[in-house]
């Protein structure tokens, strides 16, 4: 395996990882901002109010994005495994 091949695999790994976690992180951040705004407007300082909506939203996103995430991870794995023989040379 050459250094160029290793860098390309690492680049693909990082891009796939960022792509897979992006919906979860963006949902969590958006719900956090919305709940914080709601807490600021209503002066409610309940800690569970921030946790429960995030948990529910992330769970819903995980359920709906699971096929897409699985497809992306399988595509990376298949690409990696098909390139494996040329790396051992």
C-alpha atoms as a PDB file:
ATOM      1  CA  UNK A   1       0.000   0.000   0.000  1.00  0.00           C
ATOM      2  CA  UNK A   2       1.323   3.377  -0.945  1.00  0.00           C
ATOM      3  CA  UNK A   3       0.950   6.532   1.070  1.00  0.00           C
ATOM      4  CA  UNK A   4      -1.472   7.910  -1.548  1.00  0.00           C
ATOM      5  CA  UNK A   5      -3.763   4.907  -1.155  1.00  0.00           C
ATOM      6  CA  UNK A   6      -3.726   5.231   2.633  1.00  0.00           C
ATOM      7  CA  UNK A   7      -4.544   8.930   2.436  1.00  0.00           C
ATOM      8  CA  UNK A   8      -7.389   8.257  -0.014  1.00  0.00           C
ATOM      9  CA  UNK A   9      -8.880   5.591   2.281  1.00  0.00           C
ATOM     10  CA  UNK A  10      -8.603   7.911   5.267  1.00  0.00           C
ATOM     11  CA  UNK A  11     -10.233  10.741   3.304  1.00  0.00           C
ATOM     12  CA  UNK A  12     -13.124   8.485   2.272  1.00  0.00           C
ATOM     13  CA  UNK A  13     -13.493   7.259   5.848  1.00  0.00           C
ATOM     14  CA  UNK A  14     -13.669  10.776   7.272  1.00  0.00           C
ATOM     15  CA  UNK A  15     -16.126  11.954   4.594  1.00  0.00           C
ATOM     16  CA  UNK A  16     -18.378   8.922   5.128  1.00  0.00           C
ATOM     17  CA  UNK A  17     -18.273   9.420   8.905  1.00  0.00           C
ATOM     18  CA  UNK A  18     -19.181  13.095   8.640  1.00  0.00           C
ATOM     19  CA  UNK A  19     -21.955  12.314   6.175  1.00  0.00           C
ATOM     20  CA  UNK A  20     -23.430   9.628   8.433  1.00  0.00           C
ATOM     21  CA  UNK A  21     -23.441  11.675  11.653  1.00  0.00           C
ATOM     22  CA  UNK A  22     -24.504  14.978  10.067  1.00  0.00           C
ATOM     23  CA  UNK A  23     -28.294  14.426  10.279  1.00  0.00           C
ATOM     24  CA  UNK A  24     -28.076  13.444  13.941  1.00  0.00           C
ATOM     25  CA  UNK A  25     -25.838  16.357  14.921  1.00  0.00           C
ATOM     26  CA  UNK A  26     -27.827  18.917  12.943  1.00  0.00           C
ATOM     27  CA  UNK A  27     -31.098  17.705  14.450  1.00  0.00           C
ATOM     28  CA  UNK A  28     -29.682  17.816  17.953  1.00  0.00           C
ATOM     29  CA  UNK A  29     -28.324  21.320  17.449  1.00  0.00           C
ATOM     30  CA  UNK A  30     -31.551  22.618  15.910  1.00  0.00           C
ATOM     31  CA  UNK A  31     -33.716  21.193  18.688  1.00  0.00           C
ATOM     32  CA  UNK A  32     -31.282  22.556  21.291  1.00  0.00           C
ATOM     33  CA  UNK A  33     -31.502  26.067  19.846  1.00  0.00           C
ATOM     34  CA  UNK A  34     -35.297  25.928  19.631  1.00  0.00           C
ATOM     35  CA  UNK A  35     -35.639  24.671  23.212  1.00  0.00           C
ATOM     36  CA  UNK A  36     -33.165  27.295  24.457  1.00  0.00           C
ATOM     37  CA  UNK A  37     -35.166  30.020  22.745  1.00  0.00           C
ATOM     38  CA  UNK A  38     -38.342  28.655  24.298  1.00  0.00           C
ATOM     39  CA  UNK A  39     -36.713  28.582  27.728  1.00  0.00           C
ATOM     40  CA  UNK A  40     -35.451  32.142  27.331  1.00  0.00           C
ATOM     41  CA  UNK A  41     -38.843  33.453  26.295  1.00  0.00           C
ATOM     42  CA  UNK A  42     -40.796  31.666  29.023  1.00  0.00           C
ATOM     43  CA  UNK A  43     -38.127  31.838  31.763  1.00  0.00           C
ATOM     44  CA  UNK A  44     -38.451  28.108  32.407  1.00  0.00           C
ATOM     45  CA  UNK A  45     -35.162  26.619  33.600  1.00  0.00           C
ATOM     46  CA  UNK A  46     -36.024  22.941  33.729  1.00  0.00           C
ATOM     47  CA  UNK A  47     -33.059  20.714  32.781  1.00  0.00           C
ATOM     48  CA  UNK A  48     -35.167  17.819  31.504  1.00  0.00           C
ATOM     49  CA  UNK A  49     -36.865  20.177  29.069  1.00  0.00           C
ATOM     50  CA  UNK A  50     -33.660  20.274  27.013  1.00  0.00           C
ATOM     51  CA  UNK A  51     -32.924  16.558  27.213  1.00  0.00           C
ATOM     52  CA  UNK A  52     -36.255  14.940  26.354  1.00  0.00           C
ATOM     53  CA  UNK A  53     -36.991  16.810  23.078  1.00  0.00           C
ATOM     54  CA  UNK A  54     -33.438  16.163  21.842  1.00  0.00           C
ATOM     55  CA  UNK A  55     -33.740  12.488  22.696  1.00  0.00           C
ATOM     56  CA  UNK A  56     -37.051  12.167  20.862  1.00  0.00           C
ATOM     57  CA  UNK A  57     -35.859  14.129  17.813  1.00  0.00           C
ATOM     58  CA  UNK A  58     -32.627  12.164  17.494  1.00  0.00           C
ATOM     59  CA  UNK A  59     -34.568   8.907  17.850  1.00  0.00           C
ATOM     60  CA  UNK A  60     -36.944   9.923  15.052  1.00  0.00           C
ATOM     61  CA  UNK A  61     -34.049  10.967  12.815  1.00  0.00           C
ATOM     62  CA  UNK A  62     -32.281   7.669  13.495  1.00  0.00           C
ATOM     63  CA  UNK A  63     -35.371   5.683  12.554  1.00  0.00           C
ATOM     64  CA  UNK A  64     -35.962   7.571   9.315  1.00  0.00           C
ATOM     65  CA  UNK A  65     -32.325   7.880   8.240  1.00  0.00           C
ATOM     66  CA  UNK A  66     -31.253   4.332   9.137  1.00  0.00           C
ATOM     67  CA  UNK A  67     -31.615   2.922   5.573  1.00  0.00           C
ATOM     68  CA  UNK A  68     -29.624   5.809   4.122  1.00  0.00           C
ATOM     69  CA  UNK A  69     -26.919   5.508   6.788  1.00  0.00           C
ATOM     70  CA  UNK A  70     -26.690   1.755   6.261  1.00  0.00           C
ATOM     71  CA  UNK A  71     -26.455   2.224   2.491  1.00  0.00           C
ATOM     72  CA  UNK A  72     -23.593   4.725   2.859  1.00  0.00           C
ATOM     73  CA  UNK A  73     -21.705   2.502   5.281  1.00  0.00           C
ATOM     74  CA  UNK A  74     -22.178  -0.549   3.059  1.00  0.00           C
ATOM     75  CA  UNK A  75     -20.973   1.393   0.022  1.00  0.00           C
ATOM     76  CA  UNK A  76     -17.802   2.434   1.853  1.00  0.00           C
ATOM     77  CA  UNK A  77     -17.194  -1.108   3.086  1.00  0.00           C
ATOM     78  CA  UNK A  78     -17.704  -2.637  -0.349  1.00  0.00           C
ATOM     79  CA  UNK A  79     -15.400  -0.060  -1.931  1.00  0.00           C
ATOM     80  CA  UNK A  80     -12.755  -0.723   0.699  1.00  0.00           C
ATOM     81  CA  UNK A  81     -12.983  -4.505   0.367  1.00  0.00           C
ATOM     82  CA  UNK A  82     -12.817  -4.430  -3.445  1.00  0.00           C
ATOM     83  CA  UNK A  83      -9.670  -2.286  -3.273  1.00  0.00           C
ATOM     84  CA  UNK A  84      -8.077  -4.543  -0.661  1.00  0.00           C
ATOM     85  CA  UNK A  85      -6.262  -6.871  -3.129  1.00  0.00           C
ATOM     86  CA  UNK A  86      -4.477  -3.969  -4.805  1.00  0.00           C
ATOM     87  CA  UNK A  87      -3.361  -2.657  -1.413  1.00  0.00           C
ATOM     88  CA  UNK A  88      -1.538  -5.829  -0.389  1.00  0.00           C
ATOM     89  CA  UNK A  89       0.743  -5.802  -3.412  1.00  0.00           C
END
